[in-house]
Every structure is written in C-alpha cells, then in structure tokens.
C-alpha atoms as a PDB file:
ATOM      1  CA  UNK A   1     113.841 -69.975 -40.085  1.00  0.00           C
ATOM      2  CA  UNK A   2     116.043 -72.112 -37.460  1.00  0.00           C
ATOM      3  CA  UNK A   3     119.899 -73.375 -39.036  1.00  0.00           C
ATOM      4  CA  UNK A   4     117.732 -77.049 -39.132  1.00  0.00           C
ATOM      5  CA  UNK A   5     115.011 -76.166 -41.133  1.00  0.00           C
ATOM      6  CA  UNK A   6     117.371 -73.825 -43.261  1.00  0.00           C
ATOM      7  CA  UNK A   7     119.435 -76.808 -44.033  1.00  0.00           C
ATOM      8  CA  UNK A   8     116.312 -79.207 -44.832  1.00  0.00           C
ATOM      9  CA  UNK A   9     115.141 -76.754 -47.166  1.00  0.00           C
ATOM     10  CA  UNK A  10     118.625 -76.204 -49.416  1.00  0.00           C
ATOM     11  CA  UNK A  11     119.581 -79.878 -49.200  1.00  0.00           C
ATOM     12  CA  UNK A  12     119.744 -81.530 -52.324  1.00  0.00           C
ATOM     13  CA  UNK A  13     117.203 -84.688 -52.992  1.00  0.00           C
ATOM     14  CA  UNK A  14     120.807 -87.057 -54.294  1.00  0.00           C
ATOM     15  CA  UNK A  15     121.769 -86.043 -50.190  1.00  0.00           C
ATOM     16  CA  UNK A  16     118.650 -87.075 -48.969  1.00  0.00           C
ATOM     17  CA  UNK A  17     118.822 -90.227 -50.615  1.00  0.00           C
ATOM     18  CA  UNK A  18     122.423 -91.366 -49.537  1.00  0.00           C
ATOM     19  CA  UNK A  19     121.321 -90.714 -45.863  1.00  0.00           C
ATOM     20  CA  UNK A  20     118.777 -92.943 -46.052  1.00  0.00           C
ATOM     21  CA  UNK A  21     121.025 -95.363 -47.674  1.00  0.00           C
ATOM     22  CA  UNK A  22     123.273 -94.962 -44.550  1.00  0.00           C
ATOM     23  CA  UNK A  23     120.023 -95.291 -42.423  1.00  0.00           C
ATOM     24  CA  UNK A  24     119.735 -98.501 -43.865  1.00  0.00           C
ATOM     25  CA  UNK A  25     122.887 -99.553 -44.690  1.00  0.00           C
ATOM     26  CA  UNK A  26     124.739 -98.457 -41.491  1.00  0.00           C
ATOM     27  CA  UNK A  27     126.932 -97.175 -43.376  1.00  0.00           C
ATOM     28  CA  UNK A  28     127.869 -94.989 -45.723  1.00  0.00           C
ATOM     29  CA  UNK A  29     128.714 -95.653 -49.787  1.00  0.00           C
ATOM     30  CA  UNK A  30     132.746 -94.909 -48.775  1.00  0.00           C
ATOM     31  CA  UNK A  31     132.458 -98.132 -45.891  1.00  0.00           C
ATOM     32  CA  UNK A  32     132.723 -95.790 -42.613  1.00  0.00           C
ATOM     33  CA  UNK A  33     130.714 -97.449 -40.376  1.00  0.00           C
ATOM     34  CA  UNK A  34     127.928 -95.541 -38.886  1.00  0.00           C
ATOM     35  CA  UNK A  35     128.241 -95.070 -34.888  1.00  0.00           C
ATOM     36  CA  UNK A  36     124.888 -95.699 -33.086  1.00  0.00           C
ATOM     37  CA  UNK A  37     124.184 -91.560 -32.763  1.00  0.00           C
ATOM     38  CA  UNK A  38     125.414 -90.960 -36.303  1.00  0.00           C
ATOM     39  CA  UNK A  39     122.674 -93.553 -36.829  1.00  0.00           C
ATOM     40  CA  UNK A  40     120.126 -91.523 -34.844  1.00  0.00           C
ATOM     41  CA  UNK A  41     120.665 -87.795 -36.170  1.00  0.00           C
ATOM     42  CA  UNK A  42     120.783 -89.376 -40.036  1.00  0.00           C
ATOM     43  CA  UNK A  43     117.344 -90.863 -39.649  1.00  0.00           C
ATOM     44  CA  UNK A  44     116.214 -87.865 -37.626  1.00  0.00           C
ATOM     45  CA  UNK A  45     117.309 -86.005 -40.945  1.00  0.00           C
ATOM     46  CA  UNK A  46     115.587 -87.979 -43.092  1.00  0.00           C
ATOM     47  CA  UNK A  47     112.037 -88.142 -41.219  1.00  0.00           C
ATOM     48  CA  UNK A  48     113.030 -84.418 -41.491  1.00  0.00           C
ATOM     49  CA  UNK A  49     113.442 -83.753 -45.293  1.00  0.00           C
ATOM     50  CA  UNK A  50     110.231 -86.711 -45.786  1.00  0.00           C
ATOM     51  CA  UNK A  51     107.723 -84.456 -43.505  1.00  0.00           C
ATOM     52  CA  UNK A  52     109.040 -81.185 -45.114  1.00  0.00           C
ATOM     53  CA  UNK A  53     109.789 -81.861 -48.996  1.00  0.00           C
ATOM     54  CA  UNK A  54     108.051 -85.429 -49.743  1.00  0.00           C
ATOM     55  CA  UNK A  55     104.287 -85.747 -49.726  1.00  0.00           C
ATOM     56  CA  UNK A  56     104.399 -88.870 -47.986  1.00  0.00           C
ATOM     57  CA  UNK A  57     101.569 -90.765 -48.078  1.00  0.00           C
ATOM     58  CA  UNK A  58     102.683 -94.406 -47.789  1.00  0.00           C
ATOM     59  CA  UNK A  59     102.240 -96.676 -45.320  1.00  0.00           C
ATOM     60  CA  UNK A  60     105.136 -96.220 -41.470  1.00  0.00           C
ATOM     61  CA  UNK A  61     106.440 -92.761 -43.858  1.00  0.00           C
ATOM     62  CA  UNK A  62     106.362 -89.122 -41.857  1.00  0.00           C
ATOM     63  CA  UNK A  63     103.293 -86.814 -43.657  1.00  0.00           C
ATOM     64  CA  UNK A  64     103.802 -83.022 -43.845  1.00  0.00           C
ATOM     65  CA  UNK A  65     102.520 -83.134 -40.231  1.00  0.00           C
ATOM     66  CA  UNK A  66     105.035 -84.701 -38.811  1.00  0.00           C
ATOM     67  CA  UNK A  67     103.161 -87.725 -38.211  1.00  0.00           C
ATOM     68  CA  UNK A  68     103.792 -91.400 -39.147  1.00  0.00           C
ATOM     69  CA  UNK A  69     100.995 -92.283 -41.881  1.00  0.00           C
ATOM     70  CA  UNK A  70      99.610 -95.723 -40.715  1.00  0.00           C
ATOM     71  CA  UNK A  71      97.515 -96.941 -43.057  1.00  0.00           C
ATOM     72  CA  UNK A  72      95.083-100.155 -42.644  1.00  0.00           C
ATOM     73  CA  UNK A  73      94.940-103.462 -43.718  1.00  0.00           C
ATOM     74  CA  UNK A  74      91.972-102.904 -46.009  1.00  0.00           C
ATOM     75  CA  UNK A  75      93.797 -99.647 -47.324  1.00  0.00           C
ATOM     76  CA  UNK A  76      96.959-101.684 -47.867  1.00  0.00           C
ATOM     77  CA  UNK A  77      94.958-104.401 -49.832  1.00  0.00           C
ATOM     78  CA  UNK A  78      93.614-101.429 -51.808  1.00  0.00           C
ATOM     79  CA  UNK A  79      96.942 -99.973 -52.608  1.00  0.00           C
ATOM     80  CA  UNK A  80      98.419-103.525 -54.121  1.00  0.00           C
ATOM     81  CA  UNK A  81      95.624-104.755 -55.308  1.00  0.00           C
ATOM     82  CA  UNK A  82      95.942-106.474 -58.694  1.00  0.00           C
ATOM     83  CA  UNK A  83      99.810-106.473 -58.856  1.00  0.00           C
ATOM     84  CA  UNK A  84     101.831-109.858 -58.081  1.00  0.00           C
ATOM     85  CA  UNK A  85     103.789-110.762 -55.259  1.00  0.00           C
ATOM     86  CA  UNK A  86     105.855-113.343 -57.534  1.00  0.00           C
ATOM     87  CA  UNK A  87     105.589-114.245 -61.097  1.00  0.00           C
ATOM     88  CA  UNK A  88     107.081-117.560 -62.067  1.00  0.00           C
ATOM     89  CA  UNK A  89     107.885-119.210 -65.668  1.00  0.00           C
ATOM     90  CA  UNK A  90     107.206-122.439 -66.480  1.00  0.00           C
ATOM     91  CA  UNK A  91     110.462-123.484 -66.586  1.00  0.00           C
ATOM     92  CA  UNK A  92     110.161-122.594 -62.773  1.00  0.00           C
ATOM     93  CA  UNK A  93     108.071-125.214 -61.842  1.00  0.00           C
END
C-alpha cells in the first residue's frame, strides 16, 4: 500500500472535516491562510478521502471509482422533490 493510501485509510473523519473547511474557506481554523499550492494539495486529499472512504452519490462529489458524480437535471429534481427551498411566516409577508 502506498503511503498516501495508508494516510487516507488511517485519517480520522474529524481531520477530513478540517481539510474540507480549509479548502472551502482558504484558511485553517486558527486563521492561517493557505497558499494556492496548499489549497490544491488539500483539495486532492479531500477528493481521495471521498473516493476511498465515503460512498458519495451526491452531485459533483467523487465516487469510489474516482469519478465525479454528475447527476442529470431530472435526477436532481427527483432528489429534491417536495423539499421547500424557503419558508415564509405570515409576519414576513
């Protein structure tokens, strides 16, 4: 097993969540900004973790085959059918 695979297999989920946060925000929890190279490397780790450890079926996530899931418009409509996007209260109107 390669070192990267072992690292991904041994990575606690909480570390994955911190990596996702770092990629999304462009900085770590302590406020340290990621360089573009760090952000790129972190994104690769996130994608590897998703492919190896998570059974992703959501739109634009990495599946276990390492491919990006691209759902059709009809699949997305079916997935979100009946879920309200926003809810208004009478006092808001």
